[in-house]
N, C-alpha and C. Protein backbone atom coordinates (compact mmCIF):
# COMPACT_ATOMS: atom_id res chain seq x y z
N MET A 1 147.65 -8.37 1.85
CA MET A 1 147.03 -7.08 1.95
C MET A 1 147.06 -6.39 0.59
N LYS A 2 148.21 -6.43 -0.08
CA LYS A 2 148.31 -5.79 -1.39
C LYS A 2 147.35 -6.44 -2.36
N LYS A 3 147.20 -7.77 -2.25
CA LYS A 3 146.33 -8.50 -3.16
C LYS A 3 144.89 -8.01 -3.04
N ILE A 4 144.39 -7.85 -1.82
CA ILE A 4 143.01 -7.41 -1.63
C ILE A 4 142.83 -5.98 -2.12
N PHE A 5 143.84 -5.14 -1.94
CA PHE A 5 143.73 -3.76 -2.39
C PHE A 5 143.72 -3.69 -3.92
N VAL A 6 144.56 -4.49 -4.58
CA VAL A 6 144.58 -4.53 -6.05
C VAL A 6 143.25 -5.06 -6.58
N ILE A 7 142.72 -6.10 -5.95
CA ILE A 7 141.42 -6.64 -6.37
C ILE A 7 140.34 -5.58 -6.21
N THR A 8 140.38 -4.84 -5.12
CA THR A 8 139.42 -3.76 -4.90
C THR A 8 139.50 -2.72 -6.00
N ILE A 9 140.70 -2.34 -6.37
CA ILE A 9 140.88 -1.34 -7.43
C ILE A 9 140.33 -1.85 -8.75
N VAL A 10 140.63 -3.11 -9.08
CA VAL A 10 140.13 -3.69 -10.32
C VAL A 10 138.60 -3.71 -10.32
N LEU A 11 138.01 -4.09 -9.20
CA LEU A 11 136.55 -4.11 -9.10
C LEU A 11 135.97 -2.71 -9.24
N LEU A 12 136.60 -1.72 -8.64
CA LEU A 12 136.12 -0.35 -8.77
C LEU A 12 136.19 0.11 -10.22
N LEU A 13 137.27 -0.22 -10.90
CA LEU A 13 137.39 0.15 -12.31
C LEU A 13 136.29 -0.52 -13.13
N PHE A 14 136.03 -1.79 -12.83
CA PHE A 14 134.97 -2.51 -13.53
C PHE A 14 133.61 -1.87 -13.27
N LEU A 15 133.34 -1.57 -11.99
CA LEU A 15 132.07 -0.94 -11.64
C LEU A 15 131.94 0.42 -12.31
N ALA A 16 133.02 1.16 -12.37
CA ALA A 16 132.97 2.48 -13.01
C ALA A 16 132.66 2.33 -14.49
N GLY A 17 133.26 1.34 -15.12
CA GLY A 17 132.98 1.11 -16.53
C GLY A 17 131.54 0.71 -16.76
N CYS A 18 131.00 -0.12 -15.88
CA CYS A 18 129.61 -0.55 -16.02
C CYS A 18 128.64 0.60 -15.77
N SER A 19 128.92 1.42 -14.78
CA SER A 19 127.98 2.47 -14.41
C SER A 19 128.10 3.69 -15.30
N SER A 20 129.20 3.82 -16.02
CA SER A 20 129.38 5.03 -16.81
C SER A 20 128.75 4.95 -18.18
N ALA A 21 128.36 3.77 -18.62
CA ALA A 21 127.74 3.57 -19.94
C ALA A 21 128.53 4.27 -21.03
N GLY A 22 129.84 4.06 -21.03
CA GLY A 22 130.68 4.62 -22.08
C GLY A 22 131.26 5.98 -21.73
N SER A 23 130.86 6.57 -20.65
CA SER A 23 131.37 7.89 -20.27
C SER A 23 132.74 7.75 -19.62
N SER A 24 133.61 8.69 -19.90
CA SER A 24 134.93 8.66 -19.27
C SER A 24 135.01 9.67 -18.14
N ALA A 25 133.86 10.16 -17.66
CA ALA A 25 133.83 11.18 -16.62
C ALA A 25 134.16 10.63 -15.25
N ASN A 26 133.98 9.34 -15.02
CA ASN A 26 134.26 8.74 -13.72
C ASN A 26 135.76 8.63 -13.53
N LYS A 27 136.20 8.92 -12.30
CA LYS A 27 137.64 8.88 -12.03
C LYS A 27 137.91 8.12 -10.74
N LEU A 28 139.06 7.45 -10.75
CA LEU A 28 139.51 6.67 -9.60
C LEU A 28 140.48 7.49 -8.76
N GLY A 29 140.32 7.45 -7.46
CA GLY A 29 141.25 8.11 -6.54
C GLY A 29 141.72 7.12 -5.49
N LEU A 30 142.98 7.24 -5.12
CA LEU A 30 143.58 6.36 -4.11
C LEU A 30 144.25 7.21 -3.03
N ALA A 31 144.24 6.73 -1.82
CA ALA A 31 144.92 7.44 -0.74
C ALA A 31 145.24 6.45 0.38
N GLN A 32 146.24 6.82 1.15
CA GLN A 32 146.56 6.05 2.35
C GLN A 32 147.00 7.02 3.43
N LEU A 33 146.82 6.59 4.65
CA LEU A 33 147.16 7.38 5.82
C LEU A 33 147.77 6.42 6.84
N THR A 34 148.99 6.71 7.29
CA THR A 34 149.67 5.82 8.22
C THR A 34 149.91 6.52 9.55
N SER A 35 149.64 5.80 10.63
CA SER A 35 149.83 6.32 11.98
C SER A 35 150.62 5.30 12.80
N ILE A 36 151.49 5.79 13.66
CA ILE A 36 152.21 4.91 14.60
C ILE A 36 151.76 5.17 16.03
N ALA A 37 150.60 5.81 16.19
CA ALA A 37 150.09 6.19 17.51
C ALA A 37 149.86 5.01 18.45
N SER A 38 149.67 3.81 17.92
CA SER A 38 149.42 2.64 18.77
C SER A 38 150.70 1.95 19.23
N SER A 39 151.85 2.48 18.84
CA SER A 39 153.13 1.92 19.29
C SER A 39 153.31 2.19 20.78
N THR A 40 154.06 1.30 21.46
CA THR A 40 154.29 1.48 22.90
C THR A 40 155.78 1.40 23.21
N ASP A 41 156.16 2.11 24.23
CA ASP A 41 157.53 2.04 24.74
C ASP A 41 157.68 0.75 25.55
N LEU A 42 158.92 0.45 25.92
CA LEU A 42 159.16 -0.70 26.80
C LEU A 42 158.44 -0.51 28.12
N ALA A 43 157.77 -1.56 28.56
CA ALA A 43 157.07 -1.53 29.85
C ALA A 43 156.99 -2.97 30.37
N ALA A 44 156.74 -3.11 31.65
CA ALA A 44 156.65 -4.43 32.25
C ALA A 44 155.39 -5.14 31.75
N GLY A 45 155.57 -6.34 31.24
CA GLY A 45 154.45 -7.16 30.80
C GLY A 45 153.83 -7.88 31.97
N THR A 46 152.85 -8.73 31.71
CA THR A 46 152.15 -9.47 32.77
C THR A 46 153.09 -10.42 33.51
N ASP A 47 154.15 -10.86 32.81
CA ASP A 47 155.10 -11.77 33.45
C ASP A 47 156.27 -11.02 34.09
N GLY A 48 156.21 -9.68 34.09
CA GLY A 48 157.25 -8.86 34.69
C GLY A 48 158.39 -8.51 33.74
N LYS A 49 158.47 -9.19 32.60
CA LYS A 49 159.51 -8.88 31.63
C LYS A 49 159.14 -7.62 30.86
N LEU A 50 160.16 -6.88 30.45
CA LEU A 50 159.93 -5.69 29.65
C LEU A 50 159.56 -6.07 28.22
N ILE A 51 158.51 -5.44 27.72
CA ILE A 51 158.08 -5.67 26.34
C ILE A 51 157.71 -4.32 25.72
N GLY A 52 157.71 -4.29 24.42
CA GLY A 52 157.30 -3.09 23.69
C GLY A 52 156.70 -3.48 22.36
N LYS A 53 156.12 -2.49 21.67
CA LYS A 53 155.46 -2.79 20.41
C LYS A 53 155.61 -1.60 19.47
N ALA A 54 156.04 -1.89 18.26
CA ALA A 54 156.00 -0.89 17.19
C ALA A 54 154.81 -1.26 16.32
N GLN A 55 153.92 -0.30 16.08
CA GLN A 55 152.74 -0.60 15.29
C GLN A 55 152.49 0.51 14.28
N ALA A 56 152.23 0.10 13.05
CA ALA A 56 151.85 1.03 11.99
C ALA A 56 150.44 0.65 11.53
N ASP A 57 149.53 1.60 11.64
CA ASP A 57 148.17 1.40 11.16
C ASP A 57 148.02 2.19 9.87
N THR A 58 147.83 1.50 8.76
CA THR A 58 147.70 2.16 7.47
C THR A 58 146.27 2.01 6.98
N THR A 59 145.59 3.14 6.88
CA THR A 59 144.23 3.18 6.36
C THR A 59 144.32 3.46 4.87
N MET A 60 143.68 2.63 4.07
CA MET A 60 143.74 2.73 2.61
C MET A 60 142.34 2.97 2.07
N CYS A 61 142.27 3.75 0.98
CA CYS A 61 140.97 4.04 0.38
C CYS A 61 141.09 4.07 -1.13
N ALA A 62 140.16 3.42 -1.78
CA ALA A 62 139.99 3.52 -3.22
C ALA A 62 138.58 4.06 -3.44
N VAL A 63 138.47 5.11 -4.25
CA VAL A 63 137.16 5.73 -4.47
C VAL A 63 136.96 5.99 -5.95
N MET A 64 135.74 5.81 -6.41
CA MET A 64 135.36 6.17 -7.76
C MET A 64 134.37 7.32 -7.64
N VAL A 65 134.65 8.42 -8.35
CA VAL A 65 133.77 9.58 -8.32
C VAL A 65 133.27 9.90 -9.72
N ASP A 66 132.12 10.57 -9.78
CA ASP A 66 131.57 10.98 -11.07
C ASP A 66 132.12 12.37 -11.43
N ALA A 67 131.65 12.93 -12.51
CA ALA A 67 132.14 14.22 -12.99
C ALA A 67 131.90 15.35 -11.99
N ALA A 68 130.90 15.20 -11.13
CA ALA A 68 130.60 16.23 -10.13
C ALA A 68 131.39 16.02 -8.83
N GLY A 69 132.24 14.99 -8.80
CA GLY A 69 133.02 14.71 -7.60
C GLY A 69 132.26 13.95 -6.53
N LYS A 70 131.13 13.35 -6.90
CA LYS A 70 130.34 12.57 -5.94
C LYS A 70 130.79 11.11 -5.98
N VAL A 71 130.81 10.50 -4.82
CA VAL A 71 131.27 9.12 -4.69
C VAL A 71 130.28 8.17 -5.35
N ILE A 72 130.81 7.36 -6.26
CA ILE A 72 130.04 6.29 -6.90
C ILE A 72 130.25 5.00 -6.12
N ASP A 73 131.50 4.75 -5.73
CA ASP A 73 131.83 3.57 -4.94
C ASP A 73 133.08 3.89 -4.14
N ILE A 74 133.21 3.26 -2.99
CA ILE A 74 134.34 3.51 -2.10
C ILE A 74 134.65 2.24 -1.32
N LYS A 75 135.93 1.98 -1.15
CA LYS A 75 136.38 0.84 -0.35
C LYS A 75 137.46 1.33 0.60
N ILE A 76 137.28 1.03 1.86
CA ILE A 76 138.23 1.42 2.91
C ILE A 76 138.70 0.15 3.61
N ASP A 77 140.00 0.10 3.90
CA ASP A 77 140.58 -1.03 4.62
C ASP A 77 141.71 -0.50 5.50
N VAL A 78 142.08 -1.27 6.49
CA VAL A 78 143.16 -0.89 7.40
C VAL A 78 144.09 -2.08 7.58
N ALA A 79 145.39 -1.82 7.40
CA ALA A 79 146.41 -2.81 7.72
C ALA A 79 146.99 -2.40 9.07
N GLN A 80 146.82 -3.26 10.05
CA GLN A 80 147.28 -2.99 11.41
C GLN A 80 148.49 -3.90 11.66
N THR A 81 149.68 -3.32 11.45
CA THR A 81 150.90 -4.10 11.51
C THR A 81 151.61 -3.86 12.84
N ALA A 82 151.59 -4.86 13.71
CA ALA A 82 152.21 -4.75 15.03
C ALA A 82 153.45 -5.63 15.09
N ILE A 83 154.53 -5.06 15.61
CA ILE A 83 155.79 -5.78 15.77
C ILE A 83 156.18 -5.70 17.23
N ASN A 84 156.12 -6.83 17.92
CA ASN A 84 156.47 -6.88 19.33
C ASN A 84 157.96 -7.15 19.49
N PHE A 85 158.53 -6.58 20.53
CA PHE A 85 159.94 -6.83 20.83
C PHE A 85 160.13 -6.92 22.33
N ASP A 86 161.24 -7.55 22.73
CA ASP A 86 161.51 -7.71 24.16
C ASP A 86 162.50 -6.65 24.65
N ASP A 87 162.91 -6.76 25.90
CA ASP A 87 163.77 -5.74 26.52
C ASP A 87 165.17 -5.69 25.92
N LYS A 88 165.52 -6.67 25.13
CA LYS A 88 166.82 -6.67 24.46
C LYS A 88 166.70 -6.17 23.01
N GLY A 89 165.48 -5.78 22.62
CA GLY A 89 165.26 -5.30 21.26
C GLY A 89 165.04 -6.40 20.25
N VAL A 90 164.87 -7.63 20.73
CA VAL A 90 164.66 -8.77 19.83
C VAL A 90 163.18 -8.80 19.44
N ILE A 91 162.92 -8.90 18.15
CA ILE A 91 161.55 -8.99 17.66
C ILE A 91 160.97 -10.34 18.05
N THR A 92 159.82 -10.30 18.71
CA THR A 92 159.16 -11.54 19.15
C THR A 92 157.97 -11.91 18.26
N THR A 93 157.64 -11.07 17.32
CA THR A 93 156.58 -11.34 16.35
C THR A 93 157.15 -12.24 15.25
N ASP A 94 156.34 -13.18 14.77
CA ASP A 94 156.75 -14.06 13.68
C ASP A 94 156.96 -13.23 12.42
N LYS A 95 158.22 -13.08 12.01
CA LYS A 95 158.56 -12.25 10.84
C LYS A 95 158.16 -12.91 9.53
N THR A 96 157.83 -14.19 9.55
CA THR A 96 157.43 -14.88 8.32
C THR A 96 155.91 -14.89 8.13
N ALA A 97 155.17 -14.49 9.15
CA ALA A 97 153.71 -14.52 9.06
C ALA A 97 153.21 -13.40 8.15
N ALA A 98 152.24 -13.73 7.32
CA ALA A 98 151.62 -12.73 6.44
C ALA A 98 150.80 -11.76 7.28
N VAL A 99 150.87 -10.50 6.94
CA VAL A 99 150.08 -9.49 7.63
C VAL A 99 148.78 -9.30 6.85
N GLN A 100 147.67 -9.59 7.49
CA GLN A 100 146.38 -9.43 6.84
C GLN A 100 145.75 -8.10 7.25
N SER A 101 145.01 -7.51 6.31
CA SER A 101 144.26 -6.30 6.64
C SER A 101 143.03 -6.70 7.45
N LYS A 102 142.36 -5.71 7.99
CA LYS A 102 141.15 -6.00 8.78
C LYS A 102 140.07 -6.63 7.91
N ARG A 103 139.96 -6.19 6.66
CA ARG A 103 138.97 -6.81 5.75
C ARG A 103 139.35 -8.26 5.46
N GLU A 104 140.64 -8.52 5.25
CA GLU A 104 141.08 -9.89 4.98
C GLU A 104 140.80 -10.79 6.17
N LYS A 105 140.93 -10.27 7.37
CA LYS A 105 140.64 -11.06 8.58
C LYS A 105 139.15 -11.32 8.71
N GLY A 106 138.32 -10.41 8.21
CA GLY A 106 136.88 -10.59 8.29
C GLY A 106 136.40 -10.78 9.72
N ALA A 107 135.61 -11.82 9.93
CA ALA A 107 135.07 -12.10 11.26
C ALA A 107 136.16 -12.50 12.25
N ASP A 108 137.31 -12.98 11.75
CA ASP A 108 138.41 -13.36 12.64
C ASP A 108 139.07 -12.15 13.31
N TYR A 109 138.79 -10.94 12.81
CA TYR A 109 139.35 -9.75 13.47
C TYR A 109 138.86 -9.69 14.91
N GLY A 110 137.61 -10.04 15.15
CA GLY A 110 137.11 -10.20 16.51
C GLY A 110 136.58 -8.95 17.20
N MET A 111 136.31 -7.90 16.45
CA MET A 111 135.80 -6.68 17.08
C MET A 111 134.39 -6.87 17.63
N ILE A 112 133.67 -7.82 17.10
CA ILE A 112 132.27 -8.03 17.50
C ILE A 112 132.15 -8.26 19.01
N LYS A 113 133.17 -8.84 19.63
CA LYS A 113 133.14 -9.09 21.07
C LYS A 113 133.06 -7.80 21.88
N ALA A 114 133.68 -6.75 21.36
CA ALA A 114 133.70 -5.46 22.06
C ALA A 114 132.69 -4.46 21.50
N SER A 115 132.02 -4.83 20.43
CA SER A 115 131.09 -3.91 19.76
C SER A 115 129.83 -3.71 20.59
N LYS A 116 129.46 -2.46 20.77
CA LYS A 116 128.23 -2.13 21.51
C LYS A 116 126.99 -2.46 20.70
N ILE A 117 127.15 -2.62 19.38
CA ILE A 117 126.01 -2.89 18.52
C ILE A 117 126.06 -4.28 17.89
N GLY A 118 127.02 -5.11 18.32
CA GLY A 118 127.10 -6.49 17.85
C GLY A 118 127.48 -6.64 16.39
N ARG A 119 128.39 -5.77 15.94
CA ARG A 119 128.83 -5.83 14.54
C ARG A 119 130.34 -5.95 14.47
N GLU A 120 130.79 -6.62 13.43
CA GLU A 120 132.21 -6.78 13.18
C GLU A 120 132.74 -5.52 12.48
N TRP A 121 134.08 -5.34 12.48
CA TRP A 121 134.71 -4.16 11.91
C TRP A 121 134.25 -3.89 10.49
N PHE A 122 134.32 -4.92 9.63
CA PHE A 122 133.97 -4.72 8.22
C PHE A 122 132.50 -4.35 8.04
N GLU A 123 131.63 -4.83 8.92
CA GLU A 123 130.21 -4.48 8.82
C GLU A 123 129.99 -3.00 9.12
N GLU A 124 130.70 -2.49 10.12
CA GLU A 124 130.58 -1.08 10.46
C GLU A 124 131.17 -0.20 9.35
N VAL A 125 132.31 -0.60 8.81
CA VAL A 125 132.93 0.17 7.73
C VAL A 125 132.06 0.12 6.48
N ASP A 126 131.44 -1.02 6.21
CA ASP A 126 130.53 -1.10 5.06
C ASP A 126 129.38 -0.09 5.21
N ALA A 127 128.86 0.07 6.41
CA ALA A 127 127.78 1.04 6.65
C ALA A 127 128.29 2.47 6.41
N ILE A 128 129.50 2.75 6.86
CA ILE A 128 130.10 4.08 6.65
C ILE A 128 130.29 4.34 5.16
N GLN A 129 130.81 3.35 4.44
CA GLN A 129 131.01 3.48 2.99
C GLN A 129 129.69 3.73 2.29
N LYS A 130 128.65 2.99 2.67
CA LYS A 130 127.33 3.15 2.06
C LYS A 130 126.83 4.58 2.27
N TRP A 131 127.06 5.14 3.46
CA TRP A 131 126.65 6.51 3.76
C TRP A 131 127.39 7.50 2.86
N MET A 132 128.65 7.23 2.54
CA MET A 132 129.47 8.14 1.74
C MET A 132 129.07 8.17 0.26
N ILE A 133 128.43 7.12 -0.23
CA ILE A 133 128.05 7.07 -1.64
C ILE A 133 127.05 8.19 -1.95
N GLY A 134 127.35 8.89 -3.05
CA GLY A 134 126.51 10.01 -3.49
C GLY A 134 126.90 11.35 -2.90
N LYS A 135 127.94 11.34 -2.07
CA LYS A 135 128.38 12.57 -1.41
C LYS A 135 129.71 13.07 -1.98
N THR A 136 129.93 14.37 -1.84
CA THR A 136 131.21 14.98 -2.21
C THR A 136 132.14 14.94 -1.01
N ALA A 137 133.39 15.33 -1.23
CA ALA A 137 134.36 15.38 -0.13
C ALA A 137 133.88 16.35 0.95
N ASP A 138 133.36 17.50 0.55
CA ASP A 138 132.88 18.48 1.54
C ASP A 138 131.72 17.93 2.36
N GLN A 139 130.83 17.20 1.73
CA GLN A 139 129.72 16.60 2.47
C GLN A 139 130.21 15.53 3.44
N ILE A 140 131.21 14.77 3.02
CA ILE A 140 131.77 13.75 3.91
C ILE A 140 132.49 14.41 5.08
N LYS A 141 133.27 15.45 4.79
CA LYS A 141 133.97 16.18 5.86
C LYS A 141 132.98 16.86 6.81
N GLY A 142 131.77 17.13 6.32
CA GLY A 142 130.73 17.76 7.13
C GLY A 142 129.89 16.77 7.92
N MET A 143 130.29 15.50 7.94
CA MET A 143 129.55 14.48 8.70
C MET A 143 129.33 14.95 10.13
N LYS A 144 128.12 14.76 10.64
CA LYS A 144 127.85 15.06 12.04
C LYS A 144 128.60 14.05 12.89
N VAL A 145 129.34 14.54 13.88
CA VAL A 145 130.12 13.64 14.74
C VAL A 145 129.86 13.95 16.20
N ALA A 146 130.20 13.00 17.03
CA ALA A 146 130.14 13.14 18.48
C ALA A 146 131.45 12.62 19.05
N VAL A 147 131.95 13.27 20.07
CA VAL A 147 133.19 12.84 20.71
C VAL A 147 132.91 11.59 21.53
N SER A 148 133.78 10.61 21.38
CA SER A 148 133.66 9.36 22.12
C SER A 148 134.95 9.10 22.88
N ALA A 149 134.89 9.20 24.19
CA ALA A 149 136.06 8.92 25.01
C ALA A 149 136.48 7.46 24.85
N ALA A 150 135.50 6.58 24.74
CA ALA A 150 135.78 5.14 24.60
C ALA A 150 136.55 4.85 23.31
N GLU A 151 136.22 5.54 22.22
CA GLU A 151 136.88 5.33 20.94
C GLU A 151 138.12 6.20 20.77
N GLY A 152 138.29 7.19 21.62
CA GLY A 152 139.46 8.06 21.53
C GLY A 152 139.40 9.02 20.36
N GLY A 153 138.21 9.46 20.02
CA GLY A 153 138.03 10.40 18.91
C GLY A 153 136.56 10.56 18.60
N ASN A 154 136.28 10.96 17.38
CA ASN A 154 134.90 11.19 16.97
C ASN A 154 134.27 9.94 16.40
N ILE A 155 132.99 9.76 16.70
CA ILE A 155 132.18 8.73 16.06
C ILE A 155 131.07 9.45 15.30
N SER A 156 130.44 8.77 14.38
CA SER A 156 129.39 9.39 13.60
C SER A 156 128.17 9.67 14.46
N ALA A 157 127.59 10.85 14.24
CA ALA A 157 126.32 11.20 14.88
C ALA A 157 125.23 11.33 13.81
N GLU A 158 125.53 10.86 12.59
CA GLU A 158 124.56 10.89 11.52
C GLU A 158 123.42 9.92 11.85
N PRO A 159 122.17 10.37 11.73
CA PRO A 159 121.04 9.49 12.06
C PRO A 159 121.08 8.15 11.32
N ASP A 160 121.58 8.16 10.06
CA ASP A 160 121.64 6.92 9.28
C ASP A 160 122.73 5.97 9.76
N LEU A 161 123.64 6.44 10.60
CA LEU A 161 124.79 5.62 10.99
C LEU A 161 124.85 5.25 12.47
N VAL A 162 124.18 5.97 13.34
CA VAL A 162 124.38 5.74 14.78
C VAL A 162 124.06 4.32 15.23
N SER A 163 123.17 3.64 14.53
CA SER A 163 122.84 2.27 14.94
C SER A 163 123.65 1.22 14.18
N SER A 164 124.48 1.67 13.21
CA SER A 164 125.22 0.68 12.42
C SER A 164 126.73 0.88 12.41
N ALA A 165 127.22 1.98 13.00
CA ALA A 165 128.66 2.23 13.02
C ALA A 165 129.04 3.06 14.24
N THR A 166 129.83 2.46 15.10
CA THR A 166 130.28 3.16 16.32
C THR A 166 131.80 3.30 16.36
N LEU A 167 132.45 3.04 15.22
CA LEU A 167 133.91 3.16 15.13
C LEU A 167 134.35 4.62 15.15
N LYS A 168 135.58 4.84 15.57
CA LYS A 168 136.19 6.16 15.43
C LYS A 168 136.23 6.50 13.95
N ILE A 169 135.71 7.65 13.57
CA ILE A 169 135.48 7.99 12.17
C ILE A 169 136.52 8.93 11.57
N ASP A 170 137.35 9.56 12.39
CA ASP A 170 138.26 10.61 11.94
C ASP A 170 139.12 10.20 10.74
N ASP A 171 139.81 9.07 10.82
CA ASP A 171 140.68 8.63 9.72
C ASP A 171 139.88 8.30 8.47
N PHE A 172 138.66 7.77 8.63
CA PHE A 172 137.84 7.43 7.46
C PHE A 172 137.41 8.69 6.71
N ILE A 173 137.07 9.74 7.43
CA ILE A 173 136.70 11.00 6.80
C ILE A 173 137.91 11.58 6.07
N THR A 174 139.05 11.60 6.75
CA THR A 174 140.27 12.15 6.17
C THR A 174 140.69 11.38 4.92
N ILE A 175 140.70 10.06 4.99
CA ILE A 175 141.17 9.26 3.87
C ILE A 175 140.22 9.33 2.68
N ALA A 176 138.91 9.38 2.94
CA ALA A 176 137.95 9.51 1.84
C ALA A 176 138.15 10.85 1.13
N ALA A 177 138.32 11.93 1.89
CA ALA A 177 138.55 13.25 1.27
C ALA A 177 139.84 13.26 0.47
N LYS A 178 140.90 12.62 0.98
CA LYS A 178 142.16 12.56 0.25
C LYS A 178 142.01 11.77 -1.05
N ALA A 179 141.29 10.67 -1.01
CA ALA A 179 141.11 9.86 -2.21
C ALA A 179 140.25 10.60 -3.24
N ILE A 180 139.23 11.31 -2.78
CA ILE A 180 138.40 12.10 -3.70
C ILE A 180 139.24 13.21 -4.33
N ALA A 181 140.08 13.85 -3.52
CA ALA A 181 140.98 14.89 -4.06
C ALA A 181 141.91 14.31 -5.11
N ASP A 182 142.39 13.09 -4.87
CA ASP A 182 143.27 12.43 -5.84
C ASP A 182 142.51 12.16 -7.15
N ALA A 183 141.27 11.78 -7.04
CA ALA A 183 140.47 11.48 -8.23
C ALA A 183 140.11 12.73 -9.03
N THR A 184 139.98 13.84 -8.34
CA THR A 184 139.49 15.04 -9.02
C THR A 184 140.59 16.03 -9.36
N LYS A 185 141.85 15.65 -9.17
CA LYS A 185 142.94 16.59 -9.47
C LYS A 185 143.25 16.65 -10.94
């Protein structure tokens, strides 16, 4: 996960250098947001045994902005780290397994099976990122949204996005604004 994030940052710096034509006005901003809302208490599993899960979802963002604070390029990724344990508190997750981000998993993440529009997670996030390019933090925070009970939060109601992104958008808006603020401080 760290490797993909570092590569993303290096690519953003390269893109900023190419697009700035010698200008030093472009700035890089980074942000992360971590939630444990997907963690569960001990409960009976399908086999009747008690199981539980500690989960940390970390949304990461690297953004390049111009002198006016408008997004030149943006990359968003999520590390969804789940640790399962049994009724005795023993971790049942393989502690030696590498934790991949959703982007690193790519098509193996498997969201396409549940997607109403037949798109994988990274495809929907790519559409959201594309929409954010050329916008300021205030414009991104002003995204038209609609409440989605199925997603458990807001989804985009922007005409340019409704057919290409149905993901819960709240964390993406928050993290993009935080990264832009980091770049413009």
